[in-house]
């Protein structure tokens, strides 16, 4: 699918370059790498496995770079607010392309703009990366913020290693 998109982009740019309207060397279309359904499920499963090993029931949300939910699961017995918190953490990590622990630290240091903007400023959200490109994020909300961070980080690391291992598969 990525090759098909690349060919379409080249064709559009080639046709545009021939036109007298296209005077700029800046491309009119960018090709992005995005999280697949399989990638979202892989990250979710990695988080659920980590949580089970730690005996840490939680809710886990995986989003694409725009913060749109792609995968979700909740253990039995989590707090009623955990699903919303997990999604908020994932969205914040995706949209700001950084771990939410950094956002919480900045908020605690007086950067209140995060709070007033509606960004979830709680630990437990991690970007999912393909190399240096953020392709989505994962958010974890359970009973302990330190466990949330460990679970999210383990899932993000597992995802990064899996993407790195699949680089020769035409991804």
Protein backbone atom coordinates (compact mmCIF):
# COMPACT_ATOMS: atom_id res chain seq x y z
CA UNK A 1 0.00 0.00 0.00
CA UNK A 2 2.81 2.41 0.82
CA UNK A 3 4.37 1.86 -2.63
CA UNK A 4 1.04 2.64 -4.30
CA UNK A 5 0.77 5.88 -2.35
CA UNK A 6 4.34 6.81 -3.27
CA UNK A 7 3.62 6.26 -6.97
CA UNK A 8 0.50 8.39 -6.81
CA UNK A 9 2.40 11.19 -5.10
CA UNK A 10 5.17 11.09 -7.73
CA UNK A 11 2.59 11.19 -10.52
CA UNK A 12 0.77 14.14 -8.96
CA UNK A 13 4.00 16.04 -8.46
CA UNK A 14 5.22 15.24 -11.97
CA UNK A 15 1.98 16.45 -13.52
CA UNK A 16 2.04 19.52 -11.30
CA UNK A 17 5.64 20.34 -12.20
CA UNK A 18 4.72 20.34 -15.87
CA UNK A 19 2.04 22.88 -15.19
CA UNK A 20 2.83 26.57 -15.28
CA UNK A 21 1.03 26.84 -11.93
CA UNK A 22 3.59 24.68 -10.08
CA UNK A 23 6.45 27.11 -9.52
CA UNK A 24 7.58 25.93 -6.09
CA UNK A 25 10.06 23.16 -5.32
CA UNK A 26 8.13 22.43 -2.14
CA UNK A 27 6.04 19.26 -2.49
CA UNK A 28 2.30 19.73 -2.37
CA UNK A 29 1.75 16.31 -0.78
CA UNK A 30 3.65 14.55 2.01
CA UNK A 31 3.65 10.81 2.53
CA UNK A 32 3.34 9.76 6.15
CA UNK A 33 4.01 6.53 7.95
CA UNK A 34 1.03 5.73 10.16
CA UNK A 35 0.19 3.10 12.71
CA UNK A 36 -1.60 0.06 11.29
CA UNK A 37 -4.34 -1.91 13.01
CA UNK A 38 -1.84 -4.74 13.50
CA UNK A 39 0.68 -2.33 15.04
CA UNK A 40 -1.94 -0.92 17.41
CA UNK A 41 -2.94 -4.42 18.48
CA UNK A 42 0.71 -5.42 18.96
CA UNK A 43 1.35 -2.42 21.25
CA UNK A 44 -1.88 -3.10 23.16
CA UNK A 45 -0.95 -6.75 23.69
CA UNK A 46 2.55 -5.81 24.85
CA UNK A 47 1.02 -3.47 27.46
CA UNK A 48 -1.50 -6.06 28.60
CA UNK A 49 1.27 -8.67 28.97
CA UNK A 50 3.42 -6.24 30.99
CA UNK A 51 0.47 -5.34 33.21
CA UNK A 52 -0.39 -9.00 33.82
CA UNK A 53 3.22 -9.79 34.79
CA UNK A 54 3.17 -6.88 37.25
CA UNK A 55 -0.28 -7.81 38.60
CA UNK A 56 -1.31 -4.25 37.74
CA UNK A 57 -4.88 -4.04 36.40
CA UNK A 58 -5.30 -1.06 34.10
CA UNK A 59 -6.94 0.37 31.03
CA UNK A 60 -4.84 0.69 27.88
CA UNK A 61 -5.57 2.89 24.85
CA UNK A 62 -3.64 3.07 21.56
CA UNK A 63 -4.17 6.02 19.22
CA UNK A 64 -2.88 7.17 15.83
CA UNK A 65 -0.86 10.43 15.51
CA UNK A 66 -4.05 12.51 15.45
CA UNK A 67 -5.24 10.97 18.73
CA UNK A 68 -7.93 8.79 17.15
CA UNK A 69 -8.53 5.58 19.10
CA UNK A 70 -7.30 2.43 17.35
CA UNK A 71 -7.24 -0.19 20.13
CA UNK A 72 -8.47 -0.39 23.70
CA UNK A 73 -8.71 -2.90 26.55
CA UNK A 74 -9.50 -2.72 30.25
CA UNK A 75 -8.84 -5.28 32.94
CA UNK A 76 -11.67 -6.20 35.27
CA UNK A 77 -11.65 -4.18 38.46
CA UNK A 78 -10.07 -0.96 37.24
CA UNK A 79 -11.39 2.35 38.48
CA UNK A 80 -14.32 3.83 36.58
CA UNK A 81 -12.18 6.75 35.38
CA UNK A 82 -9.29 4.65 34.07
CA UNK A 83 -10.58 4.21 30.48
CA UNK A 84 -10.92 7.97 29.98
CA UNK A 85 -7.55 8.62 31.61
CA UNK A 86 -5.81 6.03 29.40
CA UNK A 87 -7.27 7.60 26.26
CA UNK A 88 -6.36 11.12 27.42
CA UNK A 89 -2.77 10.07 28.15
CA UNK A 90 -2.44 8.39 24.74
CA UNK A 91 -3.86 11.42 22.94
CA UNK A 92 -1.55 13.83 24.77
CA UNK A 93 1.51 11.69 24.00
CA UNK A 94 0.54 11.46 20.31
CA UNK A 95 -0.35 15.10 19.78
CA UNK A 96 2.64 16.50 21.66
CA UNK A 97 4.98 13.69 20.51
CA UNK A 98 6.47 13.17 23.95
CA UNK A 99 5.92 11.06 27.07
CA UNK A 100 3.23 12.50 29.30
CA UNK A 101 5.65 12.32 32.23
CA UNK A 102 7.39 15.31 30.61
CA UNK A 103 4.07 17.15 30.43
CA UNK A 104 3.32 16.38 34.09
CA UNK A 105 6.79 17.56 35.10
CA UNK A 106 6.36 20.83 33.17
CA UNK A 107 2.93 21.34 34.75
CA UNK A 108 4.35 20.73 38.23
CA UNK A 109 7.04 23.32 37.46
CA UNK A 110 4.38 25.94 36.75
CA UNK A 111 3.62 25.46 33.04
CA UNK A 112 -0.16 25.75 33.54
CA UNK A 113 -0.90 26.20 29.82
CA UNK A 114 -1.05 22.41 29.55
CA UNK A 115 -3.86 22.32 32.10
CA UNK A 116 -5.85 25.15 30.56
CA UNK A 117 -5.50 23.63 27.07
CA UNK A 118 -7.20 20.41 28.10
CA UNK A 119 -4.08 18.27 27.62
CA UNK A 120 -3.90 15.25 29.94
CA UNK A 121 -0.90 16.08 32.12
CA UNK A 122 -0.53 12.72 33.89
CA UNK A 123 2.19 10.09 33.64
CA UNK A 124 1.49 6.94 31.64
CA UNK A 125 1.40 8.06 27.99
CA UNK A 126 4.19 7.19 25.55
CA UNK A 127 4.64 7.91 21.84
CA UNK A 128 4.96 4.91 19.53
CA UNK A 129 7.80 5.48 17.09
CA UNK A 130 9.05 4.15 13.79
CA UNK A 131 12.62 5.38 14.12
CA UNK A 132 12.24 9.09 14.90
CA UNK A 133 8.69 9.35 13.53
CA UNK A 134 5.77 9.29 15.97
CA UNK A 135 3.18 6.97 14.41
CA UNK A 136 0.82 6.85 17.39
CA UNK A 137 0.86 6.58 21.17
CA UNK A 138 -0.18 4.38 24.06
CA UNK A 139 -1.81 5.44 27.31
CA UNK A 140 -2.07 3.39 30.50
CA UNK A 141 -4.19 4.17 33.55
CA UNK A 142 -4.32 1.87 36.54
CA UNK A 143 -3.91 2.10 40.27
CA UNK A 144 -0.32 3.37 40.39
CA UNK A 145 1.29 6.03 38.19
CA UNK A 146 4.72 4.39 38.38
CA UNK A 147 3.23 1.14 37.05
CA UNK A 148 1.44 3.10 34.33
CA UNK A 149 4.77 4.53 33.16
CA UNK A 150 6.54 1.15 33.27
CA UNK A 151 3.76 -0.58 31.32
CA UNK A 152 3.55 2.17 28.67
CA UNK A 153 7.34 2.30 28.30
CA UNK A 154 7.61 -1.47 27.96
CA UNK A 155 4.90 -1.51 25.29
CA UNK A 156 6.51 1.40 23.39
CA UNK A 157 9.89 -0.35 23.51
CA UNK A 158 8.37 -3.63 22.29
CA UNK A 159 6.66 -1.75 19.46
CA UNK A 160 9.90 0.01 18.44
CA UNK A 161 11.78 -3.29 18.38
CA UNK A 162 9.02 -4.98 16.37
CA UNK A 163 8.99 -2.13 13.81
CA UNK A 164 12.76 -2.24 13.57
CA UNK A 165 12.61 -6.00 12.99
CA UNK A 166 10.01 -5.63 10.24
CA UNK A 167 11.91 -2.95 8.29
CA UNK A 168 12.73 -5.40 5.51
CA UNK A 169 9.11 -6.47 5.10
CA UNK A 170 8.15 -3.54 2.88
CA UNK A 171 6.80 -1.38 5.70
